[in-house]
């Protein structure tokens, strides 16, 4: 016997359709629009769907598994049946001490599955990262995609290995000492296979998002929608043993409730953490430059444990590449890079030329470890017309400089898959929509989007072309080539230095000193006994540094002495004071 429950306030009758042809009428609706009932003979592995008022059976909004894709029936899953081996897992390193590695399951390994990721975990352990961040793992239309157009938010992608495969991956990560973050999307759902609107007012026309209908979090009948979101987050942390979640584009979540959905979610995660006796954390993506996102709930914040630091990325990328199109128009100086190292937000209430208004608010008092710093991520690569990585835009010297700033900087460092060896493969935007009209719309919309960056729409690869996906898969054979092996070794040494130096991790690393010279194009980052001296320009630079030993250098024989370093163009040294 299995208990079924579904929220369908727009229906007068709901039938459970079991194994495709058995119909069982559910009781309801109750005063909140819920239908429910026990069904004899139903159990794990059985397919089921719901018929609303005699209509065509549709997947469960909370479907735990969609083995036949977004349009097929749901399948029952018994989460207690999986044999976990991570009973001794205590949560890994704290987020403030972490080195995060973002990866996309379908392009990370040749197998394009959760098990394929497992086969490469030893590489990540050897690299020295502590935490794996998975791009969205939920069921979305087609064979491949980024996952941000998911429609079955409770169901791990069946083509990647389904619920069992994802659990194997998390279990294997924990077995190697790696924490796991799952990327979740609560600001919108994809258009194809999205049946939630048939069940109830999951969406609202009072607000909009760039990607589709906004989720109804503060309007009439929004309580069950909020419950849908919170229960989903708790499921990943409880049933799949994830250590944390990364919340996509929270700036696109509109919630005027007295308790914002992010604050509610943070409180519920704290309760789960206490119940399990294991640390769990939430990381937000936000372009609001609003410190309330990561401020403690006790002082009026939302209580996210950290957020991505786009200002740091933009400042670093714009200066190193010289790009000024789109939002990069707001960045480019060494001074902005220095400011982002000191406080994450470059725009803290100052005027943004790109937005043509003041933007942001000071993050004073917020620890730097509540921000993730990075040179690359899936968005900043994949939202380029040709998906170029930094390795296609910068010299190896500047790649090493940037890596030193990211890994030894005050924020929690994050790498994107393949960055550690300067992967030459692009990471493009790709989709596999089976609806021809939708596929055409995605292709045309993508090309229009790039016009603001000055890219020729005709040169933009078609997201629907299978070759676009295939080109984005990592080439692991590159790691044995001299140039790539050298970059890989550089990243390993940087990460080892960070993790072995107490003053560079956690709250101990909050003391940050930054010097820079705009004309000379150099910046010096000081953190405790470690000084990172960077020449970002094309001319030799003489830089004042404290006395100490050179523990890392991107050039063979740096000239150091008398309190100064003479650095060749595009180079970096790391000095440790006894």
Protein backbone atom coordinates (compact mmCIF):
# COMPACT_ATOMS: atom_id res chain seq x y z
CA UNK A 1 0.00 0.00 0.00
CA UNK A 2 1.24 3.50 -0.88
CA UNK A 3 -0.16 6.86 0.20
CA UNK A 4 -0.59 9.37 -2.62
CA UNK A 5 -1.16 13.08 -2.17
CA UNK A 6 -1.33 15.84 -4.78
CA UNK A 7 -2.26 19.52 -4.72
CA UNK A 8 -4.77 20.23 -7.49
CA UNK A 9 -7.09 23.10 -6.42
CA UNK A 10 -8.27 23.59 -10.01
CA UNK A 11 -9.67 20.05 -10.26
CA UNK A 12 -12.97 18.64 -9.04
CA UNK A 13 -11.75 15.02 -9.29
CA UNK A 14 -8.32 13.39 -9.38
CA UNK A 15 -7.70 9.77 -10.34
CA UNK A 16 -4.44 7.99 -9.70
CA UNK A 17 -3.53 6.06 -12.85
CA UNK A 18 -1.39 3.13 -11.74
CA UNK A 19 0.72 1.06 -14.14
CA UNK A 20 -0.82 3.00 -17.02
CA UNK A 21 -4.33 1.52 -16.88
CA UNK A 22 -5.55 1.10 -13.28
CA UNK A 23 -7.62 4.05 -12.05
CA UNK A 24 -8.12 4.85 -8.37
CA UNK A 25 -10.17 7.88 -7.31
CA UNK A 26 -8.46 9.94 -4.63
CA UNK A 27 -10.32 11.62 -1.79
CA UNK A 28 -10.74 15.37 -1.97
CA UNK A 29 -10.36 18.12 -2.46
CA UNK A 30 -9.87 19.32 1.10
CA UNK A 31 -10.15 22.99 2.00
CA UNK A 32 -6.66 23.68 0.57
CA UNK A 33 -7.17 21.76 -2.65
CA UNK A 34 -5.30 18.56 -1.76
CA UNK A 35 -6.37 15.11 -2.98
CA UNK A 36 -5.07 11.99 -1.24
CA UNK A 37 -5.58 8.30 -0.61
CA UNK A 38 -4.00 4.93 0.11
CA UNK A 39 -3.75 2.59 -2.87
CA UNK A 40 -3.38 -1.15 -2.39
CA UNK A 41 -0.79 -2.95 -4.48
CA UNK A 42 1.24 0.14 -5.34
CA UNK A 43 4.91 0.14 -4.42
CA UNK A 44 8.45 1.16 -5.40
CA UNK A 45 9.13 0.70 -9.11
CA UNK A 46 5.50 1.17 -10.15
CA UNK A 47 4.64 3.78 -12.75
CA UNK A 48 1.84 6.21 -12.00
CA UNK A 49 0.28 9.48 -13.11
CA UNK A 50 -2.64 11.73 -12.21
CA UNK A 51 -5.76 12.35 -14.29
CA UNK A 52 -7.49 15.65 -13.53
CA UNK A 53 -11.24 15.63 -14.15
CA UNK A 54 -10.92 12.67 -16.49
CA UNK A 55 -8.19 14.25 -18.61
CA UNK A 56 -5.00 12.77 -19.98
CA UNK A 57 -2.73 11.36 -17.25
CA UNK A 58 0.12 13.70 -16.34
CA UNK A 59 3.30 13.28 -14.26
CA UNK A 60 3.23 13.94 -10.54
CA UNK A 61 4.42 17.51 -9.75
CA UNK A 62 6.62 15.88 -7.12
CA UNK A 63 7.62 12.92 -9.27
CA UNK A 64 10.72 11.22 -7.82
CA UNK A 65 11.68 9.63 -11.15
CA UNK A 66 10.75 10.15 -14.82
CA UNK A 67 12.29 7.13 -16.57
CA UNK A 68 10.53 7.94 -19.88
CA UNK A 69 11.27 11.66 -19.86
CA UNK A 70 9.26 14.73 -18.98
CA UNK A 71 6.07 13.61 -20.76
CA UNK A 72 5.98 10.05 -19.43
CA UNK A 73 4.56 8.62 -16.20
CA UNK A 74 6.20 9.02 -12.84
CA UNK A 75 7.79 6.11 -10.98
CA UNK A 76 7.68 5.40 -7.26
CA UNK A 77 11.01 5.41 -5.42
CA UNK A 78 11.82 4.07 -1.95
CA UNK A 79 14.61 6.33 -0.71
CA UNK A 80 15.25 4.07 2.27
CA UNK A 81 16.23 1.13 0.04
CA UNK A 82 19.57 2.58 -1.08
CA UNK A 83 22.57 1.26 0.84
CA UNK A 84 24.68 4.23 1.81
CA UNK A 85 28.29 3.80 2.88
CA UNK A 86 28.80 7.35 4.19
CA UNK A 87 27.65 6.71 7.76
CA UNK A 88 30.89 8.18 9.09
CA UNK A 89 30.57 11.33 6.97
CA UNK A 90 30.50 14.45 9.14
CA UNK A 91 30.06 17.04 6.42
CA UNK A 92 33.59 17.50 5.12
CA UNK A 93 35.41 20.81 5.41
CA UNK A 94 33.43 23.90 6.37
CA UNK A 95 32.23 26.02 3.46
CA UNK A 96 34.54 28.83 4.58
CA UNK A 97 37.50 26.44 4.13
CA UNK A 98 36.34 24.94 0.84
CA UNK A 99 37.75 24.87 -2.68
CA UNK A 100 34.75 24.34 -4.96
CA UNK A 101 34.75 22.60 -8.35
CA UNK A 102 31.75 23.22 -10.60
CA UNK A 103 30.93 20.52 -13.13
CA UNK A 104 28.29 19.55 -15.67
CA UNK A 105 27.56 15.84 -15.62
CA UNK A 106 26.96 15.34 -19.36
CA UNK A 107 30.17 17.06 -20.52
CA UNK A 108 32.50 16.18 -17.64
CA UNK A 109 33.12 12.56 -18.66
CA UNK A 110 32.88 10.56 -21.90
CA UNK A 111 30.07 8.49 -20.36
CA UNK A 112 27.95 11.62 -19.64
CA UNK A 113 26.47 9.97 -16.54
CA UNK A 114 26.71 10.14 -12.76
CA UNK A 115 28.84 6.99 -12.87
CA UNK A 116 31.09 8.72 -15.40
CA UNK A 117 31.72 11.47 -12.86
CA UNK A 118 32.62 8.83 -10.26
CA UNK A 119 35.31 7.50 -12.58
CA UNK A 120 37.05 10.92 -12.48
CA UNK A 121 36.73 11.72 -8.78
CA UNK A 122 40.30 10.66 -8.04
CA UNK A 123 41.44 13.47 -10.34
CA UNK A 124 39.56 15.96 -8.18
CA UNK A 125 41.03 14.53 -4.99
CA UNK A 126 44.52 14.76 -6.48
CA UNK A 127 43.82 18.35 -7.56
CA UNK A 128 42.99 19.19 -3.96
CA UNK A 129 39.47 20.53 -4.26
CA UNK A 130 37.13 19.83 -1.36
CA UNK A 131 33.67 20.31 -2.83
CA UNK A 132 31.89 19.26 -6.03
CA UNK A 133 29.12 21.52 -7.32
CA UNK A 134 26.80 19.83 -9.82
CA UNK A 135 24.87 21.84 -12.38
CA UNK A 136 21.11 21.06 -12.13
CA UNK A 137 20.48 17.32 -12.08
CA UNK A 138 16.70 17.33 -12.52
CA UNK A 139 14.67 15.96 -15.43
CA UNK A 140 14.52 18.37 -18.35
CA UNK A 141 13.38 17.87 -21.96
CA UNK A 142 15.76 16.10 -24.34
CA UNK A 143 18.91 14.06 -24.01
CA UNK A 144 21.22 16.88 -23.02
CA UNK A 145 21.14 20.46 -21.82
CA UNK A 146 22.44 22.67 -19.05
CA UNK A 147 19.57 21.66 -16.76
CA UNK A 148 18.21 25.13 -16.05
CA UNK A 149 15.01 24.40 -17.95
CA UNK A 150 14.08 21.52 -15.67
CA UNK A 151 10.41 20.69 -15.12
CA UNK A 152 10.44 17.73 -12.73
CA UNK A 153 12.24 19.29 -9.80
CA UNK A 154 12.15 16.19 -7.60
CA UNK A 155 13.44 13.73 -10.23
CA UNK A 156 17.16 13.25 -11.02
CA UNK A 157 17.80 13.06 -14.78
CA UNK A 158 16.98 9.50 -15.86
CA UNK A 159 19.46 9.54 -18.76
CA UNK A 160 22.29 10.31 -16.35
CA UNK A 161 21.44 7.44 -14.01
CA UNK A 162 18.24 8.44 -12.21
CA UNK A 163 17.86 8.46 -8.42
CA UNK A 164 20.15 5.48 -7.80
CA UNK A 165 22.90 6.92 -9.99
CA UNK A 166 22.86 10.27 -8.23
CA UNK A 167 23.00 8.59 -4.84
CA UNK A 168 25.98 6.50 -5.97
CA UNK A 169 27.74 9.69 -7.02
CA UNK A 170 27.13 11.50 -3.72
CA UNK A 171 28.13 8.39 -1.78
CA UNK A 172 31.33 8.06 -3.82
CA UNK A 173 32.17 11.74 -3.27
CA UNK A 174 31.76 11.38 0.48
CA UNK A 175 33.89 8.26 0.39
CA UNK A 176 36.71 10.36 -1.06
CA UNK A 177 36.23 13.25 1.36
CA UNK A 178 34.42 15.48 -1.12
CA UNK A 179 31.32 17.50 -0.21
CA UNK A 180 28.51 17.85 -2.76
CA UNK A 181 26.50 20.91 -3.78
CA UNK A 182 23.46 20.54 -6.06
CA UNK A 183 22.38 23.49 -8.20
CA UNK A 184 18.62 24.11 -7.90
CA UNK A 185 16.35 26.47 -9.85
CA UNK A 186 13.36 28.03 -8.10
CA UNK A 187 12.92 31.21 -10.15
CA UNK A 188 11.24 29.54 -13.15
CA UNK A 189 10.65 26.17 -14.84
CA UNK A 190 11.25 25.09 -18.41
CA UNK A 191 8.50 25.36 -21.04
CA UNK A 192 8.40 21.79 -22.36
CA UNK A 193 6.89 19.13 -20.11
CA UNK A 194 5.88 21.72 -17.53
CA UNK A 195 2.47 20.54 -16.34
CA UNK A 196 2.40 22.32 -12.98
CA UNK A 197 0.01 24.99 -14.24
CA UNK A 198 -2.61 22.33 -14.94
CA UNK A 199 -2.62 21.37 -11.27
CA UNK A 200 -2.77 24.78 -9.64
CA UNK A 201 -1.50 28.38 -9.48
CA UNK A 202 2.18 27.53 -9.31
CA UNK A 203 2.91 30.57 -11.51
CA UNK A 204 1.87 34.21 -11.57
CA UNK A 205 1.54 36.91 -14.21
CA UNK A 206 2.18 39.65 -11.65
CA UNK A 207 5.92 39.29 -12.25
CA UNK A 208 8.09 38.00 -15.04
CA UNK A 209 11.51 36.46 -15.56
CA UNK A 210 13.80 36.43 -18.61
CA UNK A 211 13.20 32.68 -18.90
CA UNK A 212 9.44 32.24 -18.46
CA UNK A 213 6.63 32.55 -15.96
CA UNK A 214 7.51 33.61 -12.42
CA UNK A 215 6.80 31.23 -9.56
CA UNK A 216 3.88 32.27 -7.33
CA UNK A 217 5.47 32.74 -3.92
CA UNK A 218 3.40 35.57 -2.48
CA UNK A 219 0.00 35.62 -4.17
CA UNK A 220 -3.29 33.80 -3.54
CA UNK A 221 -2.79 30.06 -2.96
CA UNK A 222 0.97 30.51 -2.69
CA UNK A 223 1.42 28.56 0.58
CA UNK A 224 1.48 25.14 -1.15
CA UNK A 225 3.86 26.54 -3.78
CA UNK A 226 6.26 27.67 -1.07
CA UNK A 227 5.92 24.25 0.53
CA UNK A 228 6.76 22.70 -2.86
CA UNK A 229 10.02 24.70 -2.98
CA UNK A 230 11.06 24.12 0.62
CA UNK A 231 10.27 20.40 0.54
CA UNK A 232 12.30 20.07 -2.65
CA UNK A 233 15.36 21.68 -1.09
CA UNK A 234 15.09 19.51 2.00
CA UNK A 235 14.76 16.38 -0.15
CA UNK A 236 18.16 16.90 -1.82
CA UNK A 237 19.80 17.50 1.53
CA UNK A 238 18.07 14.61 3.31
CA UNK A 239 17.31 11.84 0.81
CA UNK A 240 20.29 12.41 -1.50
CA UNK A 241 22.74 13.36 1.29
CA UNK A 242 23.78 16.58 -0.49
CA UNK A 243 25.80 18.88 1.72
CA UNK A 244 24.57 22.12 0.19
CA UNK A 245 22.51 23.75 -2.53
CA UNK A 246 23.34 26.52 -4.96
CA UNK A 247 20.20 28.59 -5.69
CA UNK A 248 20.09 29.88 -9.24
CA UNK A 249 19.41 33.58 -9.95
CA UNK A 250 17.63 34.50 -6.74
CA UNK A 251 17.37 38.08 -8.05
CA UNK A 252 14.65 36.71 -10.36
CA UNK A 253 12.63 35.45 -7.38
CA UNK A 254 10.01 38.04 -6.41
CA UNK A 255 8.52 37.53 -2.95
CA UNK A 256 6.90 40.40 -1.07
CA UNK A 257 5.95 38.23 1.91
CA UNK A 258 7.02 39.37 5.36
CA UNK A 259 9.27 36.31 5.45
CA UNK A 260 11.07 35.99 2.12
CA UNK A 261 11.23 32.46 0.71
CA UNK A 262 15.04 32.53 1.05
CA UNK A 263 14.79 33.36 4.73
CA UNK A 264 12.18 30.65 5.23
CA UNK A 265 14.33 28.16 3.38
CA UNK A 266 17.40 29.03 5.46
CA UNK A 267 15.44 28.48 8.65
CA UNK A 268 14.13 25.11 7.53
CA UNK A 269 17.60 23.99 6.48
CA UNK A 270 18.90 24.97 9.90
CA UNK A 271 16.20 22.76 11.44
CA UNK A 272 17.22 19.84 9.21
CA UNK A 273 20.86 20.39 10.09
CA UNK A 274 20.02 20.14 13.79
CA UNK A 275 17.89 17.05 13.18
CA UNK A 276 20.60 15.23 11.22
CA UNK A 277 23.57 16.51 13.20
CA UNK A 278 25.29 17.35 9.91
CA UNK A 279 26.19 20.77 8.48
CA UNK A 280 24.11 21.86 5.49
CA UNK A 281 24.50 25.14 3.61
CA UNK A 282 22.90 27.34 0.97
CA UNK A 283 24.71 29.40 -1.68
CA UNK A 284 22.83 32.02 -3.69
CA UNK A 285 23.46 33.46 -7.13
CA UNK A 286 22.45 37.12 -7.11
CA UNK A 287 23.36 40.19 -9.16
CA UNK A 288 21.68 42.59 -6.73
CA UNK A 289 24.86 43.36 -4.72
CA UNK A 290 22.58 43.27 -1.69
CA UNK A 291 24.35 42.11 1.48
CA UNK A 292 21.01 41.08 2.97
CA UNK A 293 21.28 37.90 0.90
CA UNK A 294 24.13 36.62 3.08
CA UNK A 295 23.54 38.62 6.26
CA UNK A 296 22.35 36.66 9.30
CA UNK A 297 18.60 36.37 9.80
CA UNK A 298 18.97 37.80 13.29
CA UNK A 299 19.96 41.17 11.80
CA UNK A 300 17.37 41.21 9.03
CA UNK A 301 19.23 39.20 6.41
CA UNK A 302 18.04 36.16 4.49
CA UNK A 303 20.68 33.91 6.02
CA UNK A 304 22.28 32.41 2.91
CA UNK A 305 25.65 30.94 3.83
CA UNK A 306 27.36 32.44 0.77
CA UNK A 307 26.76 33.88 -2.68
CA UNK A 308 28.59 33.96 -5.99
CA UNK A 309 30.73 37.08 -6.48
CA UNK A 310 30.11 38.27 -10.02
CA UNK A 311 31.70 41.68 -9.42
CA UNK A 312 34.99 39.96 -8.62
CA UNK A 313 34.73 37.86 -11.78
CA UNK A 314 33.82 40.83 -13.96
CA UNK A 315 36.63 42.97 -12.55
CA UNK A 316 39.20 40.22 -13.07
CA UNK A 317 37.96 39.16 -16.51
CA UNK A 318 37.51 42.66 -17.90
CA UNK A 319 40.95 43.80 -16.86
CA UNK A 320 42.76 40.71 -18.11
CA UNK A 321 40.92 40.45 -21.45
CA UNK A 322 40.23 44.12 -22.18
CA UNK A 323 36.61 43.28 -22.99
CA UNK A 324 34.13 46.10 -22.37
CA UNK A 325 30.93 44.94 -24.10
CA UNK A 326 27.67 44.37 -22.21
CA UNK A 327 28.03 44.42 -18.45
CA UNK A 328 31.83 44.46 -18.77
CA UNK A 329 31.41 48.17 -19.59
CA UNK A 330 31.26 48.71 -15.82
CA UNK A 331 34.68 47.15 -15.22
CA UNK A 332 38.30 47.12 -16.35
CA UNK A 333 40.53 48.98 -13.90
CA UNK A 334 43.09 47.52 -11.52
CA UNK A 335 41.48 49.59 -8.78
CA UNK A 336 38.17 47.78 -9.26
CA UNK A 337 39.92 44.43 -9.02
CA UNK A 338 41.56 45.56 -5.79
CA UNK A 339 38.21 46.73 -4.42
CA UNK A 340 36.60 43.38 -5.25
CA UNK A 341 39.37 41.63 -3.33
CA UNK A 342 38.76 43.85 -0.32
CA UNK A 343 34.97 43.61 -0.19
CA UNK A 344 33.56 41.53 -3.10
CA UNK A 345 31.17 44.27 -4.32
CA UNK A 346 32.67 46.81 -6.70
CA UNK A 347 29.27 48.48 -6.97
CA UNK A 348 28.25 49.22 -3.40
CA UNK A 349 25.86 52.10 -4.03
CA UNK A 350 28.00 53.71 -6.70
CA UNK A 351 26.83 54.64 -10.19
CA UNK A 352 26.81 51.85 -12.79
CA UNK A 353 27.21 53.16 -16.37
CA UNK A 354 25.86 49.90 -17.79
CA UNK A 355 22.70 50.08 -15.68
CA UNK A 356 22.57 53.89 -15.84
CA UNK A 357 21.77 54.06 -12.14
CA UNK A 358 23.31 53.52 -8.74
CA UNK A 359 23.74 49.86 -7.91
CA UNK A 360 24.39 47.82 -4.80
CA UNK A 361 25.03 48.45 -1.14
CA UNK A 362 28.14 48.15 1.00
CA UNK A 363 28.86 44.65 2.34
CA UNK A 364 30.75 46.06 5.33
CA UNK A 365 30.89 43.54 8.13
CA UNK A 366 30.20 40.54 5.88
CA UNK A 367 33.09 38.02 6.01
CA UNK A 368 34.82 37.46 2.65
CA UNK A 369 34.18 33.73 3.00
CA UNK A 370 30.49 34.39 2.35
CA UNK A 371 31.40 35.01 -1.27
CA UNK A 372 32.67 32.60 -3.93
CA UNK A 373 35.40 33.96 -6.20
CA UNK A 374 36.15 32.62 -9.68
CA UNK A 375 37.73 33.37 -13.02
CA UNK A 376 35.25 31.13 -14.84
CA UNK A 377 31.89 29.44 -14.36
CA UNK A 378 29.34 27.83 -16.64
CA UNK A 379 27.52 31.13 -17.27
CA UNK A 380 30.53 33.29 -17.97
CA UNK A 381 31.85 30.76 -20.49
CA UNK A 382 28.62 29.37 -21.93
CA UNK A 383 26.98 32.75 -22.35
CA UNK A 384 29.67 33.78 -24.79
CA UNK A 385 28.77 33.30 -28.44
CA UNK A 386 31.51 30.72 -28.96
CA UNK A 387 31.78 29.37 -25.43
CA UNK A 388 35.43 30.37 -25.12
CA UNK A 389 37.16 29.56 -21.88
CA UNK A 390 39.75 31.89 -20.40
CA UNK A 391 42.38 29.58 -21.85
CA UNK A 392 41.32 30.75 -25.32
CA UNK A 393 41.42 34.43 -24.31
CA UNK A 394 44.50 34.74 -22.10
CA UNK A 395 48.16 33.78 -22.18
CA UNK A 396 49.36 31.00 -19.91
CA UNK A 397 51.09 33.66 -17.85
CA UNK A 398 47.83 35.50 -17.19
CA UNK A 399 46.04 32.22 -16.52
CA UNK A 400 48.55 31.56 -13.74
CA UNK A 401 48.18 35.09 -12.39
CA UNK A 402 44.39 34.77 -12.34
CA UNK A 403 44.55 31.34 -10.70
CA UNK A 404 46.77 32.72 -7.93
CA UNK A 405 44.36 35.60 -7.29
CA UNK A 406 41.35 33.26 -7.18
CA UNK A 407 42.82 30.41 -5.16
CA UNK A 408 44.78 32.54 -2.68
CA UNK A 409 42.20 35.31 -2.49
CA UNK A 410 39.95 35.98 0.51
CA UNK A 411 36.76 34.49 -0.96
CA UNK A 412 35.96 30.79 -1.27
CA UNK A 413 37.63 29.82 -4.58
CA UNK A 414 35.72 28.01 -7.30
CA UNK A 415 36.99 26.40 -10.50
CA UNK A 416 34.97 25.29 -13.52
CA UNK A 417 35.59 21.83 -14.96
CA UNK A 418 38.79 21.67 -17.00
CA UNK A 419 39.96 25.10 -15.89
CA UNK A 420 42.74 23.50 -13.89
CA UNK A 421 44.51 22.31 -17.03
CA UNK A 422 43.48 25.14 -19.36
CA UNK A 423 41.07 22.94 -21.29
CA UNK A 424 40.84 23.90 -24.95
CA UNK A 425 37.31 22.61 -25.46
CA UNK A 426 34.58 25.27 -25.33
CA UNK A 427 31.52 25.14 -23.12
CA UNK A 428 28.66 26.17 -25.37
CA UNK A 429 24.96 26.60 -24.73
CA UNK A 430 23.23 23.44 -25.98
CA UNK A 431 19.70 22.03 -25.92
CA UNK A 432 17.83 19.02 -27.26
CA UNK A 433 14.18 20.11 -27.41
CA UNK A 434 11.98 17.63 -29.26
CA UNK A 435 9.44 20.36 -30.06
CA UNK A 436 10.62 21.84 -33.41
CA UNK A 437 9.02 25.22 -32.77
CA UNK A 438 10.54 25.49 -29.32
CA UNK A 439 13.94 24.45 -30.66
CA UNK A 440 13.71 27.11 -33.37
CA UNK A 441 12.70 29.75 -30.82
CA UNK A 442 15.65 28.88 -28.59
CA UNK A 443 18.07 29.12 -31.52
CA UNK A 444 16.73 32.48 -32.69
CA UNK A 445 16.50 33.89 -29.17
CA UNK A 446 20.06 32.91 -28.42
CA UNK A 447 21.33 34.74 -31.48
CA UNK A 448 19.38 37.90 -30.64
CA UNK A 449 20.76 37.83 -27.10
CA UNK A 450 24.35 38.13 -28.29
CA UNK A 451 23.74 41.27 -30.32
CA UNK A 452 24.36 43.45 -27.22
CA UNK A 453 27.87 42.03 -26.93
CA UNK A 454 28.70 42.83 -30.53
CA UNK A 455 28.84 39.23 -31.72
CA UNK A 456 27.54 38.40 -35.19
CA UNK A 457 24.35 36.34 -34.69
CA UNK A 458 25.21 34.31 -37.77
CA UNK A 459 28.35 33.04 -36.03
CA UNK A 460 26.53 31.75 -32.94
CA UNK A 461 26.48 27.92 -32.86
CA UNK A 462 22.99 26.43 -33.00
CA UNK A 463 22.10 25.17 -29.51
CA UNK A 464 19.97 22.44 -31.10
CA UNK A 465 22.80 21.03 -33.22
CA UNK A 466 24.13 17.83 -31.54
CA UNK A 467 27.63 18.90 -32.52
CA UNK A 468 27.32 21.91 -30.21
CA UNK A 469 26.93 19.52 -27.30
CA UNK A 470 29.68 17.17 -28.46
CA UNK A 471 32.18 20.01 -28.83
CA UNK A 472 31.59 20.98 -25.19
CA UNK A 473 32.75 17.66 -23.73
CA UNK A 474 36.08 17.71 -21.93
CA UNK A 475 39.08 16.14 -23.64
CA UNK A 476 40.83 14.35 -20.78
CA UNK A 477 43.77 13.33 -22.99
CA UNK A 478 44.91 16.96 -22.84
CA UNK A 479 46.05 16.56 -19.24
CA UNK A 480 49.10 14.61 -20.43
CA UNK A 481 50.23 17.33 -22.86
CA UNK A 482 53.10 19.52 -21.54
CA UNK A 483 51.29 22.87 -21.59
CA UNK A 484 48.16 21.51 -19.91
CA UNK A 485 50.15 19.43 -17.43
CA UNK A 486 52.06 22.58 -16.40
CA UNK A 487 48.84 24.50 -15.72
CA UNK A 488 47.43 21.53 -13.83
CA UNK A 489 50.53 21.37 -11.64
CA UNK A 490 50.27 25.13 -10.99
CA UNK A 491 46.69 24.77 -9.76
CA UNK A 492 47.62 21.82 -7.55
CA UNK A 493 50.41 23.79 -5.89
CA UNK A 494 48.18 26.82 -5.33
CA UNK A 495 45.43 24.74 -3.76
CA UNK A 496 47.92 22.85 -1.60
CA UNK A 497 49.33 26.15 -0.32
CA UNK A 498 45.88 27.50 0.50
CA UNK A 499 44.77 24.38 2.32
CA UNK A 500 48.02 24.05 4.31
CA UNK A 501 48.15 27.68 5.44
CA UNK A 502 45.88 28.33 8.39
CA UNK A 503 45.79 32.08 7.77
CA UNK A 504 44.28 31.58 4.29
CA UNK A 505 41.15 29.66 5.26
CA UNK A 506 38.02 30.33 7.26
CA UNK A 507 37.50 33.46 9.32
CA UNK A 508 41.26 33.67 9.89
CA UNK A 509 41.59 34.80 6.27
CA UNK A 510 39.37 37.86 6.68
CA UNK A 511 42.35 40.20 7.14
CA UNK A 512 43.09 41.37 3.60
CA UNK A 513 45.55 44.02 2.46
CA UNK A 514 45.67 45.11 -1.19
CA UNK A 515 48.07 47.50 -2.94
CA UNK A 516 47.93 48.32 -6.64
CA UNK A 517 49.24 50.61 -9.33
CA UNK A 518 46.86 51.53 -12.13
CA UNK A 519 49.50 52.75 -14.56
CA UNK A 520 51.93 49.96 -13.76
CA UNK A 521 49.15 47.34 -13.92
CA UNK A 522 50.23 45.46 -10.83
CA UNK A 523 48.42 44.36 -7.69
CA UNK A 524 49.71 42.91 -4.42
CA UNK A 525 47.43 40.86 -2.21
CA UNK A 526 48.52 40.31 1.38
CA UNK A 527 46.89 37.79 3.69
CA UNK A 528 48.71 37.04 6.92
CA UNK A 529 52.15 35.61 6.11
CA UNK A 530 51.34 35.18 2.41
CA UNK A 531 51.83 37.88 -0.23
CA UNK A 532 50.71 37.44 -3.83
CA UNK A 533 52.50 39.89 -6.16
CA UNK A 534 51.00 40.07 -9.65
CA UNK A 535 52.17 41.82 -12.78
CA UNK A 536 49.06 42.02 -14.97
CA UNK A 537 50.62 44.15 -17.68
CA UNK A 538 52.85 43.77 -20.70
CA UNK A 539 55.88 45.57 -19.24
CA UNK A 540 58.31 44.62 -16.48
CA UNK A 541 57.16 45.84 -13.07
CA UNK A 542 59.04 46.59 -9.87
CA UNK A 543 56.85 45.87 -6.86
CA UNK A 544 57.47 46.36 -3.14
CA UNK A 545 57.01 43.15 -1.14
CA UNK A 546 57.70 42.09 2.45
CA UNK A 547 60.79 39.97 3.17
CA UNK A 548 60.31 36.24 2.93
CA UNK A 549 60.75 33.13 0.85
CA UNK A 550 59.35 32.75 -2.67
CA UNK A 551 57.19 29.63 -2.35
CA UNK A 552 55.54 29.81 -5.76
CA UNK A 553 56.55 31.54 -8.97
CA UNK A 554 55.18 31.46 -12.49
CA UNK A 555 58.65 32.34 -13.85
CA UNK A 556 61.82 30.32 -13.44
CA UNK A 557 64.06 32.83 -11.66
CA UNK A 558 62.23 35.83 -10.22
CA UNK A 559 64.40 38.78 -9.20
CA UNK A 560 63.66 39.34 -5.53
CA UNK A 561 65.58 41.27 -2.88
CA UNK A 562 65.83 44.44 -0.83
CA UNK A 563 62.09 44.49 -0.24
CA UNK A 564 61.10 44.38 -3.88
CA UNK A 565 60.43 42.04 -6.76
CA UNK A 566 61.12 42.71 -10.42
CA UNK A 567 58.48 40.75 -12.31
CA UNK A 568 58.39 40.04 -16.04
CA UNK A 569 55.14 40.78 -17.89
CA UNK A 570 52.13 38.64 -16.99
CA UNK A 571 53.70 36.86 -14.04
CA UNK A 572 53.11 36.22 -10.36
CA UNK A 573 55.11 35.20 -7.31
CA UNK A 574 53.93 34.11 -3.88
CA UNK A 575 56.06 35.10 -0.91
CA UNK A 576 55.75 33.65 2.57
CA UNK A 577 57.02 35.62 5.54
CA UNK A 578 58.48 33.46 8.34
